[in-house]
Each structure stands twice: as structure tokens, then as C-alpha cells.
Amino acid sequence: MTVPSTQWQKSSYCADSSNCLNVAAFPDHTVRIRESAAPHAEVTTTRPQLGLLIAAVKGDTLAPDA
């Protein structure tokens, strides 16, 4: 469900407007992420959890698939 006043932010790494990562902060204190090609499919998380994911990606500390 998208709130009309939501401001989705496009990734600065997006060179193609049809295949981009979008993120938005919602009034319920969640952060939602979606792909522009599938805008109705959203992943909901919190700011601290998103920060941990970003830190893990930047630090290359994610475990490989088993």
C-alpha cells in the first residue's frame, strides 16, 4: 500500500529509469524498498536493520550461499 504523500527516492546508481531501486521512509517508522520494474512489491524494514544490511554489503561480510 502506497501513501500518496510518500516520496520515493531513486538510487543514485540508477542510470536506467526502468530498472531502479527506490526507497521511502513511511510515517509508521518503516523503510520500504522496491524495484521500479515491480513497484507494487515492497520490502519493509526498519532504519537500523537497513543500516546493518548496507554495512554488511559495504564490508563484504555477507555469508555465501550454503
Protein backbone atom coordinates (compact mmCIF):
# COMPACT_ATOMS: atom_id res chain seq x y z
CA MET A 1 0.00 0.00 0.00
CA THR A 2 1.49 3.32 -1.03
CA VAL A 3 0.70 6.51 0.89
CA PRO A 4 0.03 9.38 -1.56
CA SER A 5 2.46 11.77 0.17
CA THR A 6 5.31 9.24 0.09
CA GLN A 7 8.46 10.49 -1.57
CA TRP A 8 10.23 7.56 -3.19
CA GLN A 9 13.95 8.18 -3.69
CA LYS A 10 15.72 6.67 -6.69
CA SER A 11 19.17 5.18 -6.26
CA SER A 12 21.96 7.48 -7.43
CA TYR A 13 23.48 4.45 -9.19
CA CYS A 14 20.45 4.11 -11.44
CA ALA A 15 21.33 5.02 -15.00
CA ASP A 16 18.19 3.45 -16.48
CA SER A 17 14.87 4.79 -15.20
CA SER A 18 13.09 1.48 -15.91
CA ASN A 19 15.25 -0.70 -13.64
CA CYS A 20 15.95 1.22 -10.46
CA LEU A 21 15.94 0.68 -6.72
CA ASN A 22 13.60 3.04 -4.84
CA VAL A 23 13.44 3.65 -1.10
CA ALA A 24 10.99 5.61 1.05
CA ALA A 25 10.51 6.41 4.74
CA PHE A 26 6.94 5.93 5.96
CA PRO A 27 5.08 7.61 8.84
CA ASP A 28 4.94 4.29 10.73
CA HIS A 29 8.76 4.50 11.08
CA THR A 30 9.41 1.80 8.50
CA VAL A 31 11.58 2.00 5.42
CA ARG A 32 10.30 0.40 2.25
CA ILE A 33 12.31 -0.69 -0.75
CA ARG A 34 11.02 -1.54 -4.20
CA GLU A 35 12.25 -2.08 -7.73
CA SER A 36 10.86 0.30 -10.31
CA ALA A 37 10.02 -2.61 -12.62
CA ALA A 38 7.73 -4.06 -9.88
CA PRO A 39 6.54 -1.04 -7.84
CA HIS A 40 3.76 -2.94 -6.06
CA ALA A 41 6.21 -5.42 -4.50
CA GLU A 42 7.79 -3.73 -1.49
CA VAL A 43 10.18 -4.95 1.18
CA THR A 44 9.54 -3.37 4.58
CA THR A 45 12.27 -2.94 7.18
CA THR A 46 13.47 -0.51 9.83
CA ARG A 47 16.23 2.07 9.59
CA PRO A 48 18.56 0.12 11.95
CA GLN A 49 18.05 -3.12 10.00
CA LEU A 50 18.63 -1.39 6.68
CA GLY A 51 21.78 0.19 8.10
CA LEU A 52 23.08 -3.23 9.14
CA LEU A 53 22.42 -4.61 5.66
CA ILE A 54 24.19 -1.69 3.98
CA ALA A 55 27.18 -2.04 6.34
CA ALA A 56 27.37 -5.77 5.61
CA VAL A 57 27.25 -5.19 1.86
CA LYS A 58 29.89 -2.45 2.00
CA GLY A 59 32.11 -4.56 4.27
CA ASP A 60 31.62 -7.70 2.17
CA THR A 61 30.68 -9.63 5.32
CA LEU A 62 27.59 -11.41 4.00
CA ALA A 63 27.88 -15.18 4.23
CA PRO A 64 27.96 -17.03 0.90
CA ASP A 65 25.07 -19.32 -0.02
CA ALA A 66 25.37 -22.73 1.60
